Structures are given as structure tokens and as C-alpha cells.
């Protein structure tokens, strides 16, 4: 789980986005996106997809 969360964080950093900017692009709350990248639990598919899509990643 920690590896997956790290990959999400890496993707956001590569995209050059703050969580606030990502939230605007992904149409999800900043909290939901931040929690997805913490690695404490598996995020829902919807949040994961929005996170990746918001960063311009390949779903």
C-alpha cells in the first residue's frame, strides 16, 4: 500500500500540482485526494481514477 501511495505522490509532483490544483482538476475534495496518497488504506477506484486523470497520467 505504501508503494502505491508513493506512486500517487510522485505522479502529482511530476505534474507540478498542489493538492488544491489537483482537487480542482479532479473534481474531488482536497481531503479525499490527500488521504488517497497517505497510504493508510486503499482509495476507491473513483478517487484513484480522478487523481491519475487530474495529474494527466495514464489510467
C-alpha atoms as a PDB file:
ATOM      1  CA  UNK A   1       0.000   0.000   0.000  1.00  0.00           C
ATOM      2  CA  UNK A   2       2.842   2.368   0.822  1.00  0.00           C
ATOM      3  CA  UNK A   3       4.329   1.882  -2.659  1.00  0.00           C
ATOM      4  CA  UNK A   4       1.018   2.674  -4.351  1.00  0.00           C
ATOM      5  CA  UNK A   5       0.618   5.844  -2.295  1.00  0.00           C
ATOM      6  CA  UNK A   6       4.180   6.879  -3.116  1.00  0.00           C
ATOM      7  CA  UNK A   7       3.463   6.444  -6.827  1.00  0.00           C
ATOM      8  CA  UNK A   8       0.425   8.713  -6.499  1.00  0.00           C
ATOM      9  CA  UNK A   9       2.541  11.356  -4.770  1.00  0.00           C
ATOM     10  CA  UNK A  10       5.245  11.023  -7.433  1.00  0.00           C
ATOM     11  CA  UNK A  11       2.659  11.473 -10.184  1.00  0.00           C
ATOM     12  CA  UNK A  12       1.332  14.655  -8.586  1.00  0.00           C
ATOM     13  CA  UNK A  13       4.819  16.049  -8.123  1.00  0.00           C
ATOM     14  CA  UNK A  14       5.748  15.257 -11.738  1.00  0.00           C
ATOM     15  CA  UNK A  15       2.597  17.062 -12.845  1.00  0.00           C
ATOM     16  CA  UNK A  16       3.720  20.061 -10.793  1.00  0.00           C
ATOM     17  CA  UNK A  17       0.409  20.342  -8.978  1.00  0.00           C
ATOM     18  CA  UNK A  18      -0.513  21.291  -5.460  1.00  0.00           C
ATOM     19  CA  UNK A  19      -3.322  19.307  -3.863  1.00  0.00           C
ATOM     20  CA  UNK A  20      -5.561  22.341  -4.272  1.00  0.00           C
ATOM     21  CA  UNK A  21      -4.853  22.441  -8.029  1.00  0.00           C
ATOM     22  CA  UNK A  22      -5.330  18.695  -8.305  1.00  0.00           C
ATOM     23  CA  UNK A  23      -8.661  18.911  -6.479  1.00  0.00           C
ATOM     24  CA  UNK A  24      -9.883  21.498  -8.986  1.00  0.00           C
ATOM     25  CA  UNK A  25      -8.844  19.341 -11.936  1.00  0.00           C
ATOM     26  CA  UNK A  26     -10.039  16.042 -10.477  1.00  0.00           C
ATOM     27  CA  UNK A  27     -13.359  17.380  -9.133  1.00  0.00           C
ATOM     28  CA  UNK A  28     -12.735  15.692  -5.795  1.00  0.00           C
ATOM     29  CA  UNK A  29     -12.066  17.239  -2.420  1.00  0.00           C
ATOM     30  CA  UNK A  30      -8.536  18.069  -1.405  1.00  0.00           C
ATOM     31  CA  UNK A  31      -9.012  15.815   1.623  1.00  0.00           C
ATOM     32  CA  UNK A  32     -10.055  12.778  -0.412  1.00  0.00           C
ATOM     33  CA  UNK A  33      -7.071  13.144  -2.730  1.00  0.00           C
ATOM     34  CA  UNK A  34      -4.623  13.756   0.093  1.00  0.00           C
ATOM     35  CA  UNK A  35      -5.947  10.745   2.002  1.00  0.00           C
ATOM     36  CA  UNK A  36      -5.520   8.575  -1.106  1.00  0.00           C
ATOM     37  CA  UNK A  37      -1.810   9.444  -1.177  1.00  0.00           C
ATOM     38  CA  UNK A  38      -1.229   8.796   2.538  1.00  0.00           C
ATOM     39  CA  UNK A  39      -1.149   5.033   2.118  1.00  0.00           C
ATOM     40  CA  UNK A  40      -3.173   4.162   5.202  1.00  0.00           C
ATOM     41  CA  UNK A  41      -5.896   2.422   3.209  1.00  0.00           C
ATOM     42  CA  UNK A  42      -6.730   1.599  -0.380  1.00  0.00           C
ATOM     43  CA  UNK A  43      -8.531   4.525  -2.043  1.00  0.00           C
ATOM     44  CA  UNK A  44     -11.687   3.877  -4.018  1.00  0.00           C
ATOM     45  CA  UNK A  45     -11.375   3.369  -7.756  1.00  0.00           C
ATOM     46  CA  UNK A  46     -13.213   6.649  -8.354  1.00  0.00           C
ATOM     47  CA  UNK A  47     -10.742   8.657  -6.270  1.00  0.00           C
ATOM     48  CA  UNK A  48      -7.753   6.842  -7.784  1.00  0.00           C
ATOM     49  CA  UNK A  49      -9.004   7.410 -11.324  1.00  0.00           C
ATOM     50  CA  UNK A  50      -9.705  11.092 -10.665  1.00  0.00           C
ATOM     51  CA  UNK A  51      -6.277  11.531  -9.057  1.00  0.00           C
ATOM     52  CA  UNK A  52      -4.461   9.972 -12.014  1.00  0.00           C
ATOM     53  CA  UNK A  53      -6.618  11.738 -14.584  1.00  0.00           C
ATOM     54  CA  UNK A  54      -6.169  15.078 -12.821  1.00  0.00           C
ATOM     55  CA  UNK A  55      -2.404  14.636 -12.983  1.00  0.00           C
ATOM     56  CA  UNK A  56      -2.548  13.797 -16.685  1.00  0.00           C
ATOM     57  CA  UNK A  57      -1.478  10.216 -16.039  1.00  0.00           C
ATOM     58  CA  UNK A  58      -2.385   7.080 -17.937  1.00  0.00           C
ATOM     59  CA  UNK A  59      -5.345   5.407 -16.294  1.00  0.00           C
END
